[in-house]
Protein backbone atom coordinates (compact mmCIF):
# COMPACT_ATOMS: atom_id res chain seq x y z
CA UNK A 1 -107.10 -71.91 -172.37
CA UNK A 2 -109.90 -73.89 -172.03
CA UNK A 3 -112.25 -73.54 -168.72
CA UNK A 4 -113.80 -76.88 -167.44
CA UNK A 5 -116.86 -76.99 -165.61
CA UNK A 6 -118.85 -80.11 -164.21
CA UNK A 7 -122.09 -81.04 -165.52
CA UNK A 8 -123.71 -80.93 -162.19
CA UNK A 9 -122.91 -77.23 -161.80
CA UNK A 10 -125.06 -76.92 -165.62
CA UNK A 11 -128.03 -78.50 -164.47
CA UNK A 12 -130.67 -75.88 -163.65
CA UNK A 13 -129.29 -73.23 -165.80
CA UNK A 14 -131.65 -70.97 -167.90
CA UNK A 15 -131.10 -71.51 -171.80
CA UNK A 16 -131.26 -68.33 -173.78
CA UNK A 17 -131.48 -67.69 -177.23
CA UNK A 18 -128.26 -65.27 -178.76
CA UNK A 19 -131.22 -62.74 -179.29
CA UNK A 20 -132.35 -62.64 -175.61
CA UNK A 21 -135.48 -64.86 -176.11
CA UNK A 22 -136.04 -67.39 -173.16
CA UNK A 23 -135.92 -71.35 -174.17
CA UNK A 24 -135.85 -73.05 -171.06
CA UNK A 25 -133.73 -74.54 -168.25
CA UNK A 26 -130.80 -77.42 -168.73
CA UNK A 27 -131.30 -80.70 -167.37
CA UNK A 28 -129.41 -83.36 -169.11
CA UNK A 29 -126.71 -83.88 -171.98
CA UNK A 30 -126.63 -86.44 -174.41
CA UNK A 31 -122.90 -87.73 -174.81
CA UNK A 32 -121.00 -89.66 -177.10
CA UNK A 33 -119.90 -92.64 -175.42
CA UNK A 34 -116.36 -93.05 -177.83
CA UNK A 35 -115.40 -89.62 -177.66
CA UNK A 36 -116.64 -87.98 -174.52
CA UNK A 37 -117.54 -85.30 -176.53
CA UNK A 38 -121.22 -83.66 -175.74
CA UNK A 39 -123.58 -84.21 -178.93
CA UNK A 40 -126.77 -82.57 -177.48
CA UNK A 41 -128.03 -80.54 -174.71
CA UNK A 42 -131.58 -82.13 -173.37
CA UNK A 43 -133.88 -78.95 -172.37
CA UNK A 44 -137.20 -78.16 -170.02
CA UNK A 45 -138.63 -76.21 -172.49
CA UNK A 46 -140.53 -72.83 -170.89
CA UNK A 47 -143.88 -73.22 -172.78
CA UNK A 48 -144.81 -69.08 -172.13
CA UNK A 49 -141.77 -69.07 -174.48
CA UNK A 50 -142.98 -67.91 -178.10
CA UNK A 51 -139.23 -69.46 -179.32
CA UNK A 52 -139.29 -72.82 -177.35
CA UNK A 53 -143.37 -73.21 -178.24
CA UNK A 54 -142.20 -73.39 -181.75
CA UNK A 55 -139.58 -76.14 -181.60
CA UNK A 56 -140.03 -79.64 -181.49
CA UNK A 57 -140.11 -81.35 -178.41
CA UNK A 58 -139.42 -84.91 -178.04
CA UNK A 59 -141.36 -86.52 -175.20
CA UNK A 60 -141.86 -82.68 -173.27
CA UNK A 61 -138.11 -81.70 -173.90
CA UNK A 62 -136.20 -79.96 -176.58
CA UNK A 63 -132.69 -81.52 -177.99
CA UNK A 64 -130.50 -78.72 -179.01
CA UNK A 65 -127.07 -79.44 -180.73
CA UNK A 66 -123.81 -78.71 -179.09
CA UNK A 67 -122.63 -76.53 -181.77
CA UNK A 68 -125.54 -74.02 -181.25
CA UNK A 69 -123.82 -73.49 -177.57
CA UNK A 70 -121.93 -70.16 -178.06
CA UNK A 71 -121.67 -69.35 -174.37
CA UNK A 72 -121.94 -70.86 -170.89
CA UNK A 73 -121.81 -68.34 -167.61
CA UNK A 74 -124.68 -67.53 -165.94
CA UNK A 75 -126.93 -68.72 -168.77
CA UNK A 76 -126.45 -71.33 -171.17
CA UNK A 77 -126.81 -68.99 -174.51
CA UNK A 78 -127.38 -70.82 -177.49
CA UNK A 79 -127.55 -69.17 -181.40
CA UNK A 80 -131.17 -70.00 -183.07
CA UNK A 81 -129.48 -70.13 -186.30
CA UNK A 82 -127.91 -73.26 -185.39
CA UNK A 83 -130.30 -75.23 -183.67
């Protein structure tokens, strides 16, 4: 069964990697206008994080492919191998 989540419920959620590193905070998503599917998550990086500081930031924000998302609950969990 698919669980639907309203986008505004995601804003502000902490994004962590599957190996426990904090990456940042979810701020927005890039959506395919034709299919309506999420392409990328836009993350405000946590600059105290060793993982986030190594990732390429686009105008101060990180973009993570939706394919890297492994779980969404209290946190948004992403697999670093797919980033």
